[in-house]
Protein backbone atom coordinates (compact mmCIF):
# COMPACT_ATOMS: atom_id res chain seq x y z
CA MET A 1 -26.81 11.84 -9.86
CA GLN A 2 -23.25 12.53 -10.97
CA ARG A 3 -21.52 9.89 -13.07
CA ILE A 4 -18.45 8.21 -11.59
CA PRO A 5 -15.41 8.84 -13.84
CA SER A 6 -14.00 5.85 -15.67
CA ILE A 7 -10.61 4.39 -14.85
CA LYS A 8 -9.22 5.98 -18.01
CA GLU A 9 -10.60 9.43 -17.13
CA THR A 10 -9.11 9.14 -13.65
CA HIS A 11 -5.71 8.08 -14.91
CA ASP A 12 -5.68 10.67 -17.71
CA ALA A 13 -6.28 13.44 -15.17
CA PHE A 14 -3.42 12.27 -12.94
CA LEU A 15 -1.06 11.98 -15.91
CA ARG A 16 -2.03 15.46 -17.11
CA SER A 17 -1.27 16.92 -13.67
CA ALA A 18 2.15 15.28 -13.70
CA CYS A 19 2.92 16.55 -17.20
CA GLU A 20 1.85 20.08 -16.30
CA SER A 21 3.93 20.09 -13.12
CA LEU A 22 6.95 18.89 -15.12
CA GLY A 23 6.45 21.61 -17.71
CA TYR A 24 5.61 19.23 -20.59
CA ASP A 25 3.48 20.60 -23.41
CA GLN A 26 0.14 19.24 -24.63
CA GLN A 27 1.76 17.28 -27.45
CA THR A 28 4.06 15.43 -25.05
CA TYR A 29 1.11 14.57 -22.82
CA GLU A 30 -0.80 13.16 -25.78
CA VAL A 31 2.18 11.13 -26.97
CA LEU A 32 2.60 9.61 -23.51
CA LEU A 33 -1.12 8.89 -23.26
CA ILE A 34 -1.85 7.12 -26.54
CA ALA A 35 -1.29 3.39 -27.02
CA ALA A 36 0.90 1.82 -29.67
CA ARG A 37 -1.67 -0.87 -30.50
CA GLU A 38 -5.26 -1.75 -29.57
CA VAL A 39 -6.87 -5.06 -30.50
CA ARG A 40 -10.39 -6.44 -30.06
CA VAL A 41 -11.32 -9.99 -31.01
CA GLU A 42 -14.60 -11.90 -30.97
CA LEU A 43 -14.63 -15.11 -28.97
CA PRO A 44 -17.62 -17.40 -29.68
CA LEU A 45 -18.11 -20.04 -26.99
CA ARG A 46 -20.39 -23.08 -27.04
CA ARG A 47 -21.69 -23.36 -23.49
CA ASP A 48 -22.19 -26.69 -21.74
CA ASP A 49 -25.95 -26.38 -22.22
CA GLY A 50 -25.51 -26.07 -25.98
CA SER A 51 -26.11 -22.32 -26.22
CA LEU A 52 -23.72 -20.05 -28.11
CA VAL A 53 -22.32 -16.88 -26.52
CA VAL A 54 -19.95 -14.39 -28.14
CA TYR A 55 -17.52 -12.60 -25.83
CA ASN A 56 -15.12 -9.75 -26.62
CA GLY A 57 -11.41 -10.04 -25.96
CA TYR A 58 -9.21 -6.96 -25.63
CA ARG A 59 -5.49 -6.19 -25.52
CA VAL A 60 -3.96 -2.73 -25.42
CA GLN A 61 -0.19 -2.39 -25.78
CA HIS A 62 0.76 1.04 -24.55
CA HIS A 63 4.53 1.56 -24.44
CA ASN A 64 7.57 -0.67 -25.00
CA ALA A 65 10.57 1.68 -25.22
CA ARG A 66 11.62 0.52 -21.74
CA GLY A 67 11.03 -3.19 -22.46
CA PRO A 68 8.38 -5.67 -23.69
CA TYR A 69 4.74 -4.85 -23.04
CA LYS A 70 3.62 -6.18 -19.65
CA GLY A 71 0.22 -6.28 -18.01
CA GLY A 72 -2.60 -8.29 -16.56
CA LEU A 73 -5.47 -10.09 -18.22
CA ARG A 74 -8.79 -9.63 -16.41
CA TYR A 75 -12.04 -11.56 -16.80
CA HIS A 76 -14.98 -9.40 -15.74
CA PRO A 77 -18.34 -8.48 -17.33
CA ASP A 78 -17.44 -4.78 -17.27
CA VAL A 79 -14.19 -5.13 -19.22
CA ASN A 80 -14.17 -2.63 -22.10
CA MET A 81 -11.67 -0.98 -24.41
CA THR A 82 -11.83 2.41 -22.69
CA ASP A 83 -10.81 1.15 -19.26
CA VAL A 84 -8.23 -1.24 -20.72
CA ARG A 85 -6.58 1.78 -22.40
CA GLY A 86 -6.25 3.54 -19.07
CA LEU A 87 -4.98 0.44 -17.30
CA ALA A 88 -2.35 -0.20 -19.98
CA CYS A 89 -0.93 3.30 -19.52
CA LEU A 90 -1.07 2.80 -15.77
CA MET A 91 1.10 -0.30 -16.18
CA SER A 92 3.69 1.70 -18.12
CA LEU A 93 3.91 4.10 -15.19
CA LYS A 94 4.14 1.30 -12.61
CA THR A 95 7.08 -0.35 -14.35
CA ALA A 96 8.75 3.03 -14.80
CA LEU A 97 8.28 3.98 -11.13
CA VAL A 98 9.95 0.82 -9.81
CA ASP A 99 12.49 1.08 -12.65
CA ILE A 100 12.20 -2.36 -14.22
CA PRO A 101 12.82 -2.92 -17.97
CA LEU A 102 9.24 -3.52 -19.06
CA GLY A 103 6.56 -1.49 -20.79
CA GLY A 104 2.83 -1.44 -20.17
CA ALA A 105 -0.16 -3.37 -21.49
CA LYS A 106 -3.53 -4.63 -20.31
CA GLY A 107 -6.21 -6.96 -21.60
CA GLY A 108 -9.28 -8.90 -20.75
CA ILE A 109 -12.47 -10.68 -21.72
CA ASP A 110 -15.92 -9.32 -20.90
CA CYS A 111 -17.10 -12.53 -19.22
CA ASP A 112 -18.16 -13.53 -15.72
CA PRO A 113 -15.72 -16.32 -14.81
CA GLY A 114 -17.89 -17.36 -11.88
CA SER A 115 -20.72 -18.31 -14.26
CA LEU A 116 -18.49 -20.49 -16.48
CA SER A 117 -17.58 -24.11 -15.93
CA GLU A 118 -13.90 -25.05 -15.89
CA ARG A 119 -14.21 -26.48 -19.40
CA GLU A 120 -15.86 -23.29 -20.67
CA LEU A 121 -13.21 -21.11 -19.00
CA GLU A 122 -10.37 -23.16 -20.44
CA THR A 123 -11.91 -23.18 -23.92
CA LEU A 124 -12.44 -19.41 -23.84
CA THR A 125 -8.86 -18.82 -22.65
CA ARG A 126 -7.33 -21.04 -25.33
CA LYS A 127 -9.46 -19.38 -28.00
CA PHE A 128 -8.16 -15.99 -26.84
CA VAL A 129 -4.59 -17.23 -27.36
CA GLN A 130 -5.48 -18.59 -30.79
CA ARG A 131 -6.69 -15.12 -31.77
CA MET A 132 -3.85 -13.20 -30.08
CA HIS A 133 -0.75 -15.41 -30.31
CA ARG A 134 0.98 -13.26 -32.94
CA LEU A 135 0.78 -10.25 -30.61
CA ILE A 136 2.13 -11.82 -27.41
CA GLY A 137 5.44 -13.49 -26.62
CA PRO A 138 8.44 -13.51 -24.23
CA ASN A 139 10.03 -10.50 -25.95
CA LEU A 140 6.83 -8.86 -27.18
CA ASP A 141 3.99 -8.87 -24.63
CA ILE A 142 3.80 -10.89 -21.42
CA PRO A 143 0.32 -11.24 -19.83
CA ALA A 144 -0.22 -11.94 -16.12
CA PRO A 145 -3.15 -12.61 -13.75
CA ASP A 146 -5.56 -9.82 -12.87
CA VAL A 147 -9.15 -9.55 -11.66
CA GLY A 148 -10.97 -12.83 -12.39
CA THR A 149 -7.88 -14.73 -13.56
CA ASN A 150 -5.27 -16.83 -11.74
CA ALA A 151 -2.31 -19.15 -12.13
CA GLN A 152 -4.44 -21.81 -13.83
CA VAL A 153 -5.53 -19.39 -16.55
CA MET A 154 -1.89 -18.45 -17.12
CA ALA A 155 -0.98 -22.16 -17.39
CA TRP A 156 -3.60 -22.61 -20.13
CA ILE A 157 -2.20 -19.60 -22.00
CA GLN A 158 1.34 -20.92 -21.71
CA ASP A 159 0.31 -24.37 -22.93
CA GLU A 160 -1.68 -23.07 -25.91
CA TYR A 161 1.09 -20.68 -26.92
CA SER A 162 3.72 -23.44 -26.58
CA LYS A 163 1.74 -25.66 -28.96
CA ILE A 164 2.50 -23.09 -31.66
CA TYR A 165 5.98 -21.84 -30.73
CA GLY A 166 7.47 -24.59 -28.58
CA TYR A 167 8.14 -24.53 -24.86
CA SER A 168 7.76 -20.88 -23.85
CA PRO A 169 7.47 -20.37 -20.07
CA ALA A 170 8.32 -16.66 -20.37
CA VAL A 171 5.17 -15.90 -22.42
CA VAL A 172 3.20 -15.30 -19.19
CA THR A 173 3.94 -14.68 -15.53
CA GLY A 174 1.92 -15.64 -12.48
CA LYS A 175 1.98 -19.29 -13.59
CA PRO A 176 1.93 -22.28 -11.22
CA VAL A 177 5.41 -22.97 -9.87
CA GLU A 178 5.16 -26.43 -11.47
CA THR A 179 5.05 -24.88 -14.97
CA GLY A 180 7.78 -22.30 -14.44
CA GLY A 181 6.13 -19.83 -12.09
CA SER A 182 8.08 -17.99 -9.42
CA PRO A 183 7.84 -18.48 -5.68
CA GLY A 184 6.41 -15.36 -4.08
CA ARG A 185 4.40 -14.17 -7.10
CA GLU A 186 0.95 -14.93 -5.70
CA GLU A 187 1.42 -12.86 -2.54
CA ALA A 188 3.59 -10.15 -4.13
CA THR A 189 1.03 -7.32 -4.37
CA GLY A 190 -0.26 -7.99 -0.86
CA ARG A 191 3.32 -7.93 0.40
CA ASP A 192 3.81 -4.65 -1.51
CA VAL A 193 0.96 -3.09 0.49
CA SER A 194 2.67 -3.95 3.79
CA ILE A 195 6.11 -2.76 2.61
CA VAL A 196 4.78 0.61 1.42
CA ILE A 197 2.76 1.16 4.59
CA LYS A 198 5.79 0.27 6.71
CA GLU A 199 8.00 2.67 4.76
CA TYR A 200 5.36 5.40 5.01
CA ALA A 201 5.17 4.95 8.79
CA HIS A 202 8.98 5.11 8.98
CA HIS A 203 8.92 8.26 6.84
CA CYS A 204 6.43 9.84 9.26
CA GLY A 205 8.28 8.64 12.35
CA GLU A 206 5.38 6.46 13.51
CA LYS A 207 5.12 2.90 14.79
CA LEU A 208 2.64 0.53 13.17
CA LYS A 209 1.93 -1.78 16.08
CA GLY A 210 -1.64 -1.25 17.19
CA LYS A 211 -2.56 0.92 14.20
CA THR A 212 -5.88 0.04 12.57
CA ALA A 213 -6.59 -0.94 8.97
CA ALA A 214 -9.75 -1.65 6.97
CA ILE A 215 -9.44 -3.62 3.72
CA GLN A 216 -12.01 -3.42 0.95
CA GLY A 217 -11.78 -6.59 -1.12
CA PHE A 218 -10.58 -9.98 0.11
CA GLY A 219 -9.28 -11.47 -3.10
CA ASN A 220 -5.66 -12.40 -3.67
CA VAL A 221 -4.36 -8.89 -2.94
CA GLY A 222 -6.62 -8.01 -0.02
CA ALA A 223 -6.28 -11.34 1.75
CA HIS A 224 -2.49 -11.33 1.59
CA ALA A 225 -2.35 -7.65 2.60
CA ALA A 226 -4.52 -8.43 5.63
CA GLN A 227 -2.24 -11.30 6.59
CA PHE A 228 0.97 -9.25 6.31
CA LEU A 229 -0.46 -6.23 8.16
CA PHE A 230 -1.74 -8.54 10.90
CA GLU A 231 1.71 -10.15 11.20
CA MET A 232 3.25 -6.66 11.54
CA GLY A 233 1.14 -6.07 14.64
CA MET A 234 -1.57 -3.92 13.11
CA ARG A 235 -5.23 -4.37 13.99
CA VAL A 236 -7.23 -5.23 10.86
CA VAL A 237 -10.66 -4.07 12.01
CA ALA A 238 -12.72 -4.76 8.85
CA VAL A 239 -12.56 -6.76 5.61
CA ASN A 240 -15.14 -7.53 2.96
CA ASP A 241 -15.79 -9.27 -0.33
CA VAL A 242 -18.64 -9.31 -2.85
CA ARG A 243 -20.84 -11.37 -0.50
CA GLY A 244 -20.46 -9.28 2.63
CA GLY A 245 -18.14 -7.77 5.21
CA ILE A 246 -17.12 -8.18 8.86
CA HIS A 247 -15.98 -5.72 11.50
CA ASP A 248 -14.42 -5.88 14.96
CA SER A 249 -13.06 -2.68 16.51
CA GLU A 250 -10.63 -4.72 18.61
CA GLY A 251 -9.13 -6.32 15.52
CA LEU A 252 -10.01 -9.46 13.55
CA PRO A 253 -8.02 -12.69 13.99
CA ILE A 254 -6.93 -12.74 10.36
CA ASP A 255 -5.47 -16.25 10.53
CA LYS A 256 -8.90 -17.58 11.53
CA VAL A 257 -10.69 -15.31 9.01
CA LEU A 258 -8.54 -16.85 6.26
CA GLU A 259 -9.52 -20.35 7.39
CA HIS A 260 -13.19 -19.34 7.36
CA PHE A 261 -12.81 -17.79 3.90
CA LYS A 262 -11.27 -20.97 2.48
CA LYS A 263 -14.17 -23.06 3.76
CA ALA A 264 -17.09 -20.68 3.11
CA GLY A 265 -15.80 -18.79 0.06
CA THR A 266 -16.56 -15.49 1.82
CA VAL A 267 -15.62 -13.58 4.96
CA ALA A 268 -19.32 -12.99 5.66
CA GLY A 269 -20.67 -14.92 8.62
CA PHE A 270 -17.36 -15.12 10.46
CA PRO A 271 -18.26 -16.00 14.09
CA GLY A 272 -17.92 -13.23 16.66
CA ALA A 273 -17.65 -10.34 14.19
CA ASP A 274 -20.25 -7.72 13.29
CA SER A 275 -21.45 -7.44 9.72
CA ILE A 276 -20.62 -4.28 7.75
CA ASP A 277 -21.62 -3.17 4.28
CA ASN A 278 -19.29 -1.72 1.67
CA GLY A 279 -20.24 1.89 2.33
CA GLY A 280 -19.74 1.42 6.05
CA LEU A 281 -16.30 -0.09 5.56
CA LEU A 282 -15.13 2.78 3.35
CA ALA A 283 -16.37 5.29 5.94
CA LEU A 284 -14.91 3.46 8.93
CA ARG A 285 -12.73 5.43 11.34
CA CYS A 286 -9.26 3.86 11.05
CA ASP A 287 -5.62 4.70 10.43
CA TYR A 288 -5.29 2.98 7.04
CA LEU A 289 -7.95 2.24 4.45
CA VAL A 290 -6.85 -0.23 1.76
CA PRO A 291 -9.17 -0.41 -1.28
CA ALA A 292 -8.09 -3.68 -2.91
CA ALA A 293 -10.99 -4.46 -5.25
CA LEU A 294 -12.03 -2.52 -8.36
CA GLY A 295 -11.54 1.03 -9.64
CA GLY A 296 -13.63 4.08 -8.80
CA VAL A 297 -14.87 2.90 -5.39
CA ILE A 298 -13.97 6.21 -3.70
CA HIS A 299 -15.56 9.03 -5.68
CA ARG A 300 -16.96 12.53 -5.34
CA ARG A 301 -20.10 11.35 -3.55
CA ASN A 302 -18.43 9.34 -0.79
CA ALA A 303 -14.93 10.85 -0.42
CA GLY A 304 -16.22 13.23 2.24
CA HIS A 305 -17.27 10.25 4.37
CA VAL A 306 -13.82 8.63 4.43
CA GLN A 307 -12.46 8.83 8.00
CA ALA A 308 -9.17 7.03 7.46
CA LYS A 309 -5.96 9.00 7.95
CA VAL A 310 -4.27 7.24 5.02
CA VAL A 311 -5.68 5.59 1.90
CA ALA A 312 -3.34 2.99 0.36
CA GLU A 313 -4.51 2.13 -3.16
CA ALA A 314 -4.06 -1.62 -3.65
CA ALA A 315 -6.46 -1.74 -6.64
CA ASP A 316 -6.18 -0.01 -10.02
CA ALA A 317 -7.47 3.58 -9.73
CA PRO A 318 -9.82 3.04 -6.75
CA VAL A 319 -9.82 6.80 -6.01
CA THR A 320 -11.17 9.06 -8.75
CA GLU A 321 -9.54 12.41 -9.49
CA PRO A 322 -12.33 14.53 -7.89
CA ALA A 323 -12.24 12.26 -4.82
CA ASN A 324 -8.47 12.60 -4.66
CA GLN A 325 -8.84 16.39 -4.48
CA ILE A 326 -11.41 16.09 -1.70
CA LEU A 327 -9.21 13.72 0.32
CA CYS A 328 -6.17 15.97 -0.07
CA GLN A 329 -8.16 19.03 1.01
CA ARG A 330 -9.28 17.12 4.10
CA GLY A 331 -5.71 16.15 4.98
CA VAL A 332 -6.04 12.47 4.08
CA SER A 333 -2.78 11.07 2.69
CA VAL A 334 -3.20 8.94 -0.43
CA LEU A 335 -0.50 6.39 -1.28
CA PRO A 336 -0.97 5.90 -5.05
CA GLY A 337 -1.65 2.60 -6.77
CA ILE A 338 1.33 2.88 -9.10
CA LEU A 339 3.45 2.46 -5.94
CA VAL A 340 1.24 0.35 -3.65
CA GLY A 341 0.24 -1.97 -6.50
CA ALA A 342 3.66 -2.39 -8.12
CA GLY A 343 4.69 -5.51 -6.22
CA GLY A 344 2.91 -7.87 -8.60
CA VAL A 345 4.61 -6.59 -11.72
CA THR A 346 7.96 -6.48 -9.94
CA VAL A 347 7.86 -10.17 -9.03
CA SER A 348 6.42 -10.86 -12.50
CA TYR A 349 9.61 -9.29 -13.83
CA PHE A 350 11.65 -11.61 -11.58
CA GLU A 351 9.67 -14.59 -12.90
CA TRP A 352 10.23 -13.52 -16.50
CA VAL A 353 13.99 -13.18 -15.90
CA GLN A 354 14.12 -16.64 -14.30
CA ASN A 355 12.25 -18.14 -17.27
CA LEU A 356 14.61 -16.53 -19.77
CA GLN A 357 17.62 -17.78 -17.81
CA HIS A 358 16.07 -21.21 -17.13
CA PHE A 359 17.28 -20.75 -13.57
CA ARG A 360 15.21 -20.72 -10.38
CA TRP A 361 15.80 -18.19 -7.59
CA THR A 362 14.98 -18.98 -3.98
CA LEU A 363 11.97 -17.44 -2.24
CA GLU A 364 14.34 -15.60 0.11
CA GLU A 365 16.16 -14.04 -2.86
CA ILE A 366 12.87 -12.94 -4.44
CA GLU A 367 11.49 -11.43 -1.24
CA GLN A 368 14.73 -9.53 -0.62
CA ARG A 369 14.87 -8.22 -4.22
CA LEU A 370 11.21 -7.16 -4.00
CA HIS A 371 11.81 -5.41 -0.68
CA ASP A 372 14.85 -3.56 -2.04
CA LYS A 373 13.03 -2.42 -5.20
CA LEU A 374 9.99 -1.16 -3.34
CA VAL A 375 11.93 0.56 -0.57
CA GLU A 376 13.99 2.38 -3.21
CA ALA A 377 10.80 3.52 -4.99
CA CYS A 378 9.10 4.53 -1.71
CA ARG A 379 11.99 6.65 -0.55
CA ALA A 380 12.24 8.40 -3.92
CA VAL A 381 8.51 9.20 -3.84
CA PHE A 382 8.48 10.35 -0.21
CA GLU A 383 11.61 12.49 -0.56
CA LEU A 384 10.36 14.24 -3.71
CA ALA A 385 6.99 14.89 -2.08
CA LYS A 386 8.75 16.43 0.91
CA ASP A 387 11.14 18.52 -1.20
CA ASP A 388 8.47 19.78 -3.61
CA LYS A 389 5.74 20.00 -0.94
CA CYS A 390 3.37 18.02 -3.18
CA SER A 391 1.18 14.98 -2.72
CA TYR A 392 2.58 11.45 -2.82
CA ARG A 393 0.52 10.79 -5.92
CA LEU A 394 1.94 13.74 -7.82
CA SER A 395 5.44 12.80 -6.68
CA ALA A 396 5.05 9.19 -7.88
CA TYR A 397 3.51 10.26 -11.20
CA GLN A 398 6.27 12.81 -11.77
CA ILE A 399 9.01 10.21 -11.30
CA ALA A 400 7.27 7.64 -13.53
CA THR A 401 6.23 10.18 -16.18
CA ARG A 402 9.74 11.63 -16.44
CA ARG A 403 11.23 8.17 -16.96
CA LEU A 404 8.56 7.27 -19.49
CA LYS A 405 9.09 10.47 -21.45
CA GLU A 406 12.88 10.14 -21.43
CA SER A 407 12.80 6.55 -22.69
CA PHE A 408 10.17 7.34 -25.31
CA PHE A 409 12.09 10.24 -26.80
CA ALA A 410 15.48 8.49 -26.47
CA ALA A 411 14.12 5.62 -28.59
CA GLY A 412 13.11 8.13 -31.27
CA ILE A 413 9.72 9.08 -32.68
């Protein structure tokens, strides 16, 4: 059985293609790829039952010539330095593509947050800050929520950091609004999915009403994406989470699915819908497939089964490089994650700016600024793809890579 490429291998291949198409040499590719700093710390935790467990904490700071390092902090058993490297570079490209003054970083702890009590989770988070506080800060590195983390985790980080340096709301983004967070941050990436899909449909001269979508993953991103697509008149025919999936070819009533999810903690068992497994959802015949969970879910072995017309990457590197080639050969359009997933970091940037100014913007202002930023990025990607007759992924990577290279060399080596 063939091994599924890691997130880093997938990202490295896409970056190499962009560098080659731009005429950059091997040395430039390597300079853009490597991180400025990589840190691993040990985090011993006394569990509630008295046992002692040692977790590993990671932070990779990739590139800050365009602004402070910026990137999520994920809690997941599979977190490792290799993938964090790839995700940190991916963040640099996201911020460059939407042209905001931030660099790229990523971090995490190799724990299962679902198996930890709230006290254990808080203790582990605060211990991570105690180990890392010299390497993060409002003008140095600004973490944000990612897989397995949320606004509460960011609030703990902010509080622990502020104990050392004084009140510092800008040290993290994705915080609760009560502690300096921004309206609109929680739903930003899900909103991004709907904006990009709408712009893509406009680019192709199509209407979205009645079009079908299947969403893999019903966490923060997937749930909000489902809600926004549903509100735009699309038929969301399937959604799933780690405990199961549901399908209705006529379209799911997403408002009621969300109510069921809040009560049951899963979409599985929603009345009136058929059950569907993960493989079935990815192979479902639909107009738009939105992988919004983890990386590498569409790979060489299952890419040939994808029947969607468009794949919109709402997760980090959900389509591997070999799978991307297969999809392109089959005429499936892939909207890349550095565009579809850039809404979160864009509103994180807005939150950071508000914190630095100690001034709160309205939700309407934030939504309009997000819309304008993403529409500008979409049109640049779609126009370059049309002019150069290349894929949307290559177009997006070319724009981001060029900006990254120019800022890197302008800053001096």
